[in-house]
Amino acid sequence: MRILLAAGFVVFNVAIYLFMAMLYKRYRLPVLLPALTATFTVVVLLLGFNISYDTYMIGGEWINRLLGPAVVSLAYPLYKQRHVLRENLPAVLGGTVTGLLVGMLSGLLMAASLGFSKIYVLSVLPKSITTAVAIQISDNLGGDSSLTSVFVMIAGFTGAIGGPYIIKLFRIRSEAGIGIGLGTASHALGTAKALEYGEQSVSMSSVAMTVCAIVGSIIGPLVAWIMYH
């Protein structure tokens, strides 16, 4: 029975996501981003049918276990786009590291200034890194990985939804620049959005996301150590 329930929730998640992806493909509105609308729909349905988090996670845990392999798979886009990285190393590293630092420090300072406790501050710290790596960093620092996942999603949604408007406002034409910006600011969701701007954009976005994960896993603990030691 437990296996059937788990499989049912997995199918439930996938079906909702695919439907929302079809909706987004048809109307192309930033607010209809599949990850956002699918998440909202799942939450509404769980609340509407009074399904507890523990019950939902019987199936959700199956998906959650894929985060481990997802961390390892980040090495693939970095290897595949190694020539792009070599040719644009200063721009990629400069833009990515600057964006990562701004994202981490702004969230950190905002949380600290609002009087958040240590566990909340440490949970906010890795928000600019893709979920698979961010929750590992949060756990190691003593943060709450569930909260970190929420903060990462917020960062991803705001970047993927707001990014196109900023790109249009500042008339950014460089596919590489668009990719680096989206990948750094909103990781996996930004990379999905970069697909709409061309092959080079998604390549640079995947590289930026991977570099953020590597550099962030080093910088994050250092920043936390400086703050609390």
C-alpha atoms as a PDB file:
ATOM      1  CA  MET A   1       0.000   0.000   0.000  1.00  0.00           C
ATOM      2  CA  ARG A   2       2.813   2.399   0.928  1.00  0.00           C
ATOM      3  CA  ILE A   3       4.559   1.750  -2.408  1.00  0.00           C
ATOM      4  CA  LEU A   4       1.338   2.404  -4.343  1.00  0.00           C
ATOM      5  CA  LEU A   5       0.779   5.631  -2.406  1.00  0.00           C
ATOM      6  CA  ALA A   6       4.350   6.758  -3.084  1.00  0.00           C
ATOM      7  CA  ALA A   7       4.059   5.971  -6.790  1.00  0.00           C
ATOM      8  CA  GLY A   8       0.743   7.813  -6.902  1.00  0.00           C
ATOM      9  CA  PHE A   9       2.257  11.005  -5.487  1.00  0.00           C
ATOM     10  CA  VAL A  10       5.172  10.816  -7.919  1.00  0.00           C
ATOM     11  CA  VAL A  11       2.760  10.503 -10.870  1.00  0.00           C
ATOM     12  CA  PHE A  12       0.674  13.305  -9.332  1.00  0.00           C
ATOM     13  CA  ASN A  13       3.689  15.650  -9.301  1.00  0.00           C
ATOM     14  CA  VAL A  14       4.868  14.763 -12.788  1.00  0.00           C
ATOM     15  CA  ALA A  15       1.376  15.075 -14.303  1.00  0.00           C
ATOM     16  CA  ILE A  16       0.818  18.535 -12.812  1.00  0.00           C
ATOM     17  CA  TYR A  17       4.231  19.729 -13.956  1.00  0.00           C
ATOM     18  CA  LEU A  18       3.710  18.467 -17.518  1.00  0.00           C
ATOM     19  CA  PHE A  19       0.305  20.140 -17.702  1.00  0.00           C
ATOM     20  CA  MET A  20       1.719  23.452 -16.469  1.00  0.00           C
ATOM     21  CA  ALA A  21       4.611  23.145 -18.936  1.00  0.00           C
ATOM     22  CA  MET A  22       2.089  22.773 -21.779  1.00  0.00           C
ATOM     23  CA  LEU A  23       0.218  25.820 -20.500  1.00  0.00           C
ATOM     24  CA  TYR A  24       3.419  27.858 -20.364  1.00  0.00           C
ATOM     25  CA  LYS A  25       4.468  26.725 -23.841  1.00  0.00           C
ATOM     26  CA  ARG A  26       1.162  27.947 -25.230  1.00  0.00           C
ATOM     27  CA  TYR A  27       0.944  31.374 -23.552  1.00  0.00           C
ATOM     28  CA  ARG A  28       4.619  32.180 -22.768  1.00  0.00           C
ATOM     29  CA  LEU A  29       3.829  34.427 -19.808  1.00  0.00           C
ATOM     30  CA  PRO A  30       6.640  34.688 -17.198  1.00  0.00           C
ATOM     31  CA  VAL A  31       4.153  34.236 -14.338  1.00  0.00           C
ATOM     32  CA  LEU A  32       3.140  30.868 -15.819  1.00  0.00           C
ATOM     33  CA  LEU A  33       6.597  29.390 -15.247  1.00  0.00           C
ATOM     34  CA  PRO A  34       5.909  25.640 -14.760  1.00  0.00           C
ATOM     35  CA  ALA A  35       7.935  25.275 -11.560  1.00  0.00           C
ATOM     36  CA  LEU A  36       5.976  28.142  -9.986  1.00  0.00           C
ATOM     37  CA  THR A  37       2.481  27.200 -11.142  1.00  0.00           C
ATOM     38  CA  ALA A  38       3.018  23.478 -10.487  1.00  0.00           C
ATOM     39  CA  THR A  39       4.265  24.177  -6.949  1.00  0.00           C
ATOM     40  CA  PHE A  40       1.318  26.475  -6.245  1.00  0.00           C
ATOM     41  CA  THR A  41      -1.152  23.910  -7.625  1.00  0.00           C
ATOM     42  CA  VAL A  42       0.301  21.080  -5.531  1.00  0.00           C
ATOM     43  CA  VAL A  43       0.126  23.200  -2.357  1.00  0.00           C
ATOM     44  CA  VAL A  44      -3.498  24.207  -3.042  1.00  0.00           C
ATOM     45  CA  LEU A  45      -4.535  20.596  -3.726  1.00  0.00           C
ATOM     46  CA  LEU A  46      -2.789  19.283  -0.607  1.00  0.00           C
ATOM     47  CA  LEU A  47      -4.492  21.917   1.527  1.00  0.00           C
ATOM     48  CA  GLY A  48      -7.829  21.404  -0.215  1.00  0.00           C
ATOM     49  CA  PHE A  49      -7.820  17.645   0.352  1.00  0.00           C
ATOM     50  CA  ASN A  50      -6.245  17.985   3.812  1.00  0.00           C
ATOM     51  CA  ILE A  51      -3.243  15.805   2.919  1.00  0.00           C
ATOM     52  CA  SER A  52      -0.466  16.105   5.493  1.00  0.00           C
ATOM     53  CA  TYR A  53       3.156  16.841   4.611  1.00  0.00           C
ATOM     54  CA  ASP A  54       4.264  13.465   6.013  1.00  0.00           C
ATOM     55  CA  THR A  55       1.760  11.626   3.825  1.00  0.00           C
ATOM     56  CA  TYR A  56       2.775  13.585   0.736  1.00  0.00           C
ATOM     57  CA  MET A  57       6.463  12.937   1.389  1.00  0.00           C
ATOM     58  CA  ILE A  58       5.914   9.182   1.153  1.00  0.00           C
ATOM     59  CA  GLY A  59       6.165   9.805  -2.574  1.00  0.00           C
ATOM     60  CA  GLY A  60       8.012  13.108  -2.379  1.00  0.00           C
ATOM     61  CA  GLU A  61      10.936  11.374  -0.713  1.00  0.00           C
ATOM     62  CA  TRP A  62      11.501   9.350  -3.894  1.00  0.00           C
ATOM     63  CA  ILE A  63      11.994  12.576  -5.824  1.00  0.00           C
ATOM     64  CA  ASN A  64      14.015  14.085  -2.977  1.00  0.00           C
ATOM     65  CA  ARG A  65      16.524  11.230  -3.198  1.00  0.00           C
ATOM     66  CA  LEU A  66      17.395  12.310  -6.732  1.00  0.00           C
ATOM     67  CA  LEU A  67      19.091  15.426  -5.313  1.00  0.00           C
ATOM     68  CA  GLY A  68      22.225  13.411  -4.549  1.00  0.00           C
ATOM     69  CA  PRO A  69      22.784  12.267  -8.151  1.00  0.00           C
ATOM     70  CA  ALA A  70      21.811  15.784  -9.270  1.00  0.00           C
ATOM     71  CA  VAL A  71      24.828  17.187  -7.411  1.00  0.00           C
ATOM     72  CA  VAL A  72      27.169  14.837  -9.283  1.00  0.00           C
ATOM     73  CA  SER A  73      25.480  15.562 -12.618  1.00  0.00           C
ATOM     74  CA  LEU A  74      26.440  19.250 -12.329  1.00  0.00           C
ATOM     75  CA  ALA A  75      29.930  18.248 -13.462  1.00  0.00           C
ATOM     76  CA  TYR A  76      28.591  17.241 -16.886  1.00  0.00           C
ATOM     77  CA  PRO A  77      27.577  20.697 -18.230  1.00  0.00           C
ATOM     78  CA  LEU A  78      30.869  22.077 -16.935  1.00  0.00           C
ATOM     79  CA  TYR A  79      32.781  19.380 -18.861  1.00  0.00           C
ATOM     80  CA  LYS A  80      30.605  19.716 -21.966  1.00  0.00           C
ATOM     81  CA  GLN A  81      31.080  23.483 -22.111  1.00  0.00           C
ATOM     82  CA  ARG A  82      34.757  23.463 -21.080  1.00  0.00           C
ATOM     83  CA  HIS A  83      35.767  25.204 -24.314  1.00  0.00           C
ATOM     84  CA  VAL A  84      33.270  28.008 -23.619  1.00  0.00           C
ATOM     85  CA  LEU A  85      34.628  28.316 -20.104  1.00  0.00           C
ATOM     86  CA  ARG A  86      38.218  28.512 -21.352  1.00  0.00           C
ATOM     87  CA  GLU A  87      37.408  31.134 -23.985  1.00  0.00           C
ATOM     88  CA  ASN A  88      35.402  33.328 -21.613  1.00  0.00           C
ATOM     89  CA  LEU A  89      37.052  32.510 -18.278  1.00  0.00           C
ATOM     90  CA  PRO A  90      37.491  36.105 -16.946  1.00  0.00           C
ATOM     91  CA  ALA A  91      33.929  37.113 -17.884  1.00  0.00           C
ATOM     92  CA  VAL A  92      32.371  33.901 -16.562  1.00  0.00           C
ATOM     93  CA  LEU A  93      34.258  33.875 -13.261  1.00  0.00           C
ATOM     94  CA  GLY A  94      33.993  37.633 -12.765  1.00  0.00           C
ATOM     95  CA  GLY A  95      30.273  37.812 -13.442  1.00  0.00           C
ATOM     96  CA  THR A  96      29.431  34.608 -11.606  1.00  0.00           C
ATOM     97  CA  VAL A  97      31.474  35.234  -8.457  1.00  0.00           C
ATOM     98  CA  THR A  98      30.299  38.867  -8.246  1.00  0.00           C
ATOM     99  CA  GLY A  99      26.670  37.828  -8.652  1.00  0.00           C
ATOM    100  CA  LEU A 100      27.077  35.021  -6.125  1.00  0.00           C
ATOM    101  CA  LEU A 101      28.647  37.308  -3.514  1.00  0.00           C
ATOM    102  CA  VAL A 102      25.985  39.982  -3.987  1.00  0.00           C
ATOM    103  CA  GLY A 103      23.231  37.364  -3.703  1.00  0.00           C
ATOM    104  CA  MET A 104      24.675  35.702  -0.609  1.00  0.00           C
ATOM    105  CA  LEU A 105      25.657  38.864   1.253  1.00  0.00           C
ATOM    106  CA  SER A 106      22.448  40.770   0.484  1.00  0.00           C
ATOM    107  CA  GLY A 107      20.332  37.918   1.845  1.00  0.00           C
ATOM    108  CA  LEU A 108      22.630  37.512   4.825  1.00  0.00           C
ATOM    109  CA  LEU A 109      22.630  41.203   5.748  1.00  0.00           C
ATOM    110  CA  MET A 110      18.874  41.488   5.282  1.00  0.00           C
ATOM    111  CA  ALA A 111      18.227  38.484   7.530  1.00  0.00           C
ATOM    112  CA  ALA A 112      20.658  39.743  10.172  1.00  0.00           C
ATOM    113  CA  SER A 113      19.248  43.297  10.109  1.00  0.00           C
ATOM    114  CA  LEU A 114      15.714  41.960  10.618  1.00  0.00           C
ATOM    115  CA  GLY A 115      16.876  40.178  13.748  1.00  0.00           C
ATOM    116  CA  PHE A 116      16.601  36.624  12.427  1.00  0.00           C
ATOM    117  CA  SER A 117      18.065  33.943  14.665  1.00  0.00           C
ATOM    118  CA  LYS A 118      21.280  32.159  13.690  1.00  0.00           C
ATOM    119  CA  ILE A 119      19.510  29.141  12.191  1.00  0.00           C
ATOM    120  CA  TYR A 120      17.447  31.376   9.876  1.00  0.00           C
ATOM    121  CA  VAL A 121      20.472  33.417   8.819  1.00  0.00           C
ATOM    122  CA  LEU A 122      22.408  30.252   7.979  1.00  0.00           C
ATOM    123  CA  SER A 123      19.395  28.933   6.065  1.00  0.00           C
ATOM    124  CA  VAL A 124      19.278  32.085   3.915  1.00  0.00           C
ATOM    125  CA  LEU A 125      23.029  32.087   3.188  1.00  0.00           C
ATOM    126  CA  PRO A 126      23.079  29.439   0.380  1.00  0.00           C
ATOM    127  CA  LYS A 127      19.947  30.748  -1.392  1.00  0.00           C
ATOM    128  CA  SER A 128      21.955  31.740  -4.481  1.00  0.00           C
ATOM    129  CA  ILE A 129      23.102  28.149  -5.076  1.00  0.00           C
ATOM    130  CA  THR A 130      21.127  25.374  -6.765  1.00  0.00           C
ATOM    131  CA  THR A 131      18.939  23.339  -4.379  1.00  0.00           C
ATOM    132  CA  ALA A 132      20.896  20.078  -4.476  1.00  0.00           C
ATOM    133  CA  VAL A 133      24.048  21.801  -3.191  1.00  0.00           C
ATOM    134  CA  ALA A 134      22.347  24.490  -1.079  1.00  0.00           C
ATOM    135  CA  ILE A 135      20.631  22.027   1.257  1.00  0.00           C
ATOM    136  CA  GLN A 136      23.911  20.182   1.833  1.00  0.00           C
ATOM    137  CA  ILE A 137      25.637  23.459   2.736  1.00  0.00           C
ATOM    138  CA  SER A 138      22.739  24.466   4.985  1.00  0.00           C
ATOM    139  CA  ASP A 139      22.832  21.149   6.854  1.00  0.00           C
ATOM    140  CA  ASN A 140      26.595  21.375   7.352  1.00  0.00           C
ATOM    141  CA  LEU A 141      26.372  24.955   8.642  1.00  0.00           C
ATOM    142  CA  GLY A 142      23.579  24.161  11.087  1.00  0.00           C
ATOM    143  CA  GLY A 143      20.752  25.736   9.106  1.00  0.00           C
ATOM    144  CA  ASP A 144      17.347  24.291   8.249  1.00  0.00           C
ATOM    145  CA  SER A 145      17.461  22.573   4.855  1.00  0.00           C
ATOM    146  CA  SER A 146      13.676  22.857   4.397  1.00  0.00           C
ATOM    147  CA  LEU A 147      13.852  26.629   4.855  1.00  0.00           C
ATOM    148  CA  THR A 148      16.850  26.781   2.540  1.00  0.00           C
ATOM    149  CA  SER A 149      14.852  25.007  -0.163  1.00  0.00           C
ATOM    150  CA  VAL A 150      12.142  27.662   0.155  1.00  0.00           C
ATOM    151  CA  PHE A 151      14.664  30.523  -0.061  1.00  0.00           C
ATOM    152  CA  VAL A 152      16.328  28.916  -3.094  1.00  0.00           C
ATOM    153  CA  MET A 153      12.944  28.585  -4.799  1.00  0.00           C
ATOM    154  CA  ILE A 154      12.118  32.240  -4.073  1.00  0.00           C
ATOM    155  CA  ALA A 155      15.461  33.315  -5.555  1.00  0.00           C
ATOM    156  CA  GLY A 156      14.870  31.096  -8.574  1.00  0.00           C
ATOM    157  CA  PHE A 157      11.330  32.307  -9.192  1.00  0.00           C
ATOM    158  CA  THR A 158      12.146  36.011  -8.823  1.00  0.00           C
ATOM    159  CA  GLY A 159      15.115  35.707 -11.179  1.00  0.00           C
ATOM    160  CA  ALA A 160      13.325  33.624 -13.795  1.00  0.00           C
ATOM    161  CA  ILE A 161      10.215  35.831 -13.751  1.00  0.00           C
ATOM    162  CA  GLY A 162      11.851  39.228 -13.258  1.00  0.00           C
ATOM    163  CA  GLY A 163      14.963  38.515 -15.327  1.00  0.00           C
ATOM    164  CA  PRO A 164      13.327  38.906 -18.764  1.00  0.00           C
ATOM    165  CA  TYR A 165      11.992  42.342 -17.800  1.00  0.00           C
ATOM    166  CA  ILE A 166      15.455  43.463 -16.648  1.00  0.00           C
ATOM    167  CA  ILE A 167      17.010  42.076 -19.845  1.00  0.00           C
ATOM    168  CA  LYS A 168      14.472  44.010 -21.891  1.00  0.00           C
ATOM    169  CA  LEU A 169      14.815  47.194 -19.800  1.00  0.00           C
ATOM    170  CA  PHE A 170      18.596  47.355 -20.199  1.00  0.00           C
ATOM    171  CA  ARG A 171      18.469  46.057 -23.792  1.00  0.00           C
ATOM    172  CA  ILE A 172      20.898  43.227 -23.168  1.00  0.00           C
ATOM    173  CA  ARG A 173      21.640  41.446 -26.444  1.00  0.00           C
ATOM    174  CA  SER A 174      24.575  39.198 -25.533  1.00  0.00           C
ATOM    175  CA  GLU A 175      23.434  35.576 -25.235  1.00  0.00           C
ATOM    176  CA  ALA A 176      26.445  34.816 -23.047  1.00  0.00           C
ATOM    177  CA  GLY A 177      25.641  37.714 -20.719  1.00  0.00           C
ATOM    178  CA  ILE A 178      21.992  36.699 -20.472  1.00  0.00           C
ATOM    179  CA  GLY A 179      22.990  33.121 -19.655  1.00  0.00           C
ATOM    180  CA  ILE A 180      25.491  34.114 -16.974  1.00  0.00           C
ATOM    181  CA  GLY A 181      22.970  36.471 -15.375  1.00  0.00           C
ATOM    182  CA  LEU A 182      20.114  33.962 -15.313  1.00  0.00           C
ATOM    183  CA  GLY A 183      22.281  31.039 -14.198  1.00  0.00           C
ATOM    184  CA  THR A 184      23.891  33.019 -11.388  1.00  0.00           C
ATOM    185  CA  ALA A 185      20.730  34.704 -10.111  1.00  0.00           C
ATOM    186  CA  SER A 186      18.238  31.868 -10.409  1.00  0.00           C
ATOM    187  CA  HIS A 187      20.217  28.626 -10.955  1.00  0.00           C
ATOM    188  CA  ALA A 188      18.148  25.757 -12.454  1.00  0.00           C
ATOM    189  CA  LEU A 189      15.034  27.858 -13.063  1.00  0.00           C
ATOM    190  CA  GLY A 190      17.165  30.519 -14.709  1.00  0.00           C
ATOM    191  CA  THR A 191      18.819  27.888 -16.890  1.00  0.00           C
ATOM    192  CA  ALA A 192      15.398  26.639 -17.981  1.00  0.00           C
ATOM    193  CA  LYS A 193      14.461  30.220 -18.841  1.00  0.00           C
ATOM    194  CA  ALA A 194      17.743  30.685 -20.737  1.00  0.00           C
ATOM    195  CA  LEU A 195      16.579  28.020 -23.206  1.00  0.00           C
ATOM    196  CA  GLU A 196      14.305  30.673 -24.689  1.00  0.00           C
ATOM    197  CA  TYR A 197      17.251  32.930 -25.566  1.00  0.00           C
ATOM    198  CA  GLY A 198      19.360  30.469 -27.529  1.00  0.00           C
ATOM    199  CA  GLU A 199      21.868  27.638 -27.237  1.00  0.00           C
ATOM    200  CA  GLN A 200      24.727  29.840 -26.043  1.00  0.00           C
ATOM    201  CA  SER A 201      22.556  31.347 -23.311  1.00  0.00           C
ATOM    202  CA  VAL A 202      21.626  27.973 -21.864  1.00  0.00           C
ATOM    203  CA  SER A 203      25.237  26.768 -22.135  1.00  0.00           C
ATOM    204  CA  MET A 204      26.561  29.793 -20.243  1.00  0.00           C
ATOM    205  CA  SER A 205      23.724  29.562 -17.737  1.00  0.00           C
ATOM    206  CA  SER A 206      24.513  25.923 -16.940  1.00  0.00           C
ATOM    207  CA  VAL A 207      28.199  26.801 -16.568  1.00  0.00           C
ATOM    208  CA  ALA A 208      27.358  29.766 -14.295  1.00  0.00           C
ATOM    209  CA  MET A 209      25.065  27.608 -12.168  1.00  0.00           C
ATOM    210  CA  THR A 210      27.761  24.960 -11.764  1.00  0.00           C
ATOM    211  CA  VAL A 211      30.484  27.502 -10.964  1.00  0.00           C
ATOM    212  CA  CYS A 212      28.158  29.067  -8.366  1.00  0.00           C
ATOM    213  CA  ALA A 213      27.664  25.664  -6.753  1.00  0.00           C
ATOM    214  CA  ILE A 214      31.419  25.025  -6.565  1.00  0.00           C
ATOM    215  CA  VAL A 215      32.464  28.514  -5.428  1.00  0.00           C
ATOM    216  CA  GLY A 216      29.457  28.867  -3.110  1.00  0.00           C
ATOM    217  CA  SER A 217      30.280  25.634  -1.303  1.00  0.00           C
ATOM    218  CA  ILE A 218      33.660  27.175  -0.447  1.00  0.00           C
ATOM    219  CA  ILE A 219      32.601  30.774   0.248  1.00  0.00           C
ATOM    220  CA  GLY A 220      29.445  29.912   2.230  1.00  0.00           C
ATOM    221  CA  PRO A 221      31.184  28.186   5.153  1.00  0.00           C
ATOM    222  CA  LEU A 222      33.852  30.927   5.226  1.00  0.00           C
ATOM    223  CA  VAL A 223      31.226  33.678   5.483  1.00  0.00           C
ATOM    224  CA  ALA A 224      29.381  31.764   8.219  1.00  0.00           C
ATOM    225  CA  TRP A 225      32.647  31.242  10.120  1.00  0.00           C
ATOM    226  CA  ILE A 226      33.498  34.960   9.929  1.00  0.00           C
ATOM    227  CA  MET A 227      30.041  35.912  11.227  1.00  0.00           C
ATOM    228  CA  TYR A 228      29.796  33.504  14.128  1.00  0.00           C
ATOM    229  CA  HIS A 229      33.393  32.968  15.299  1.00  0.00           C
END
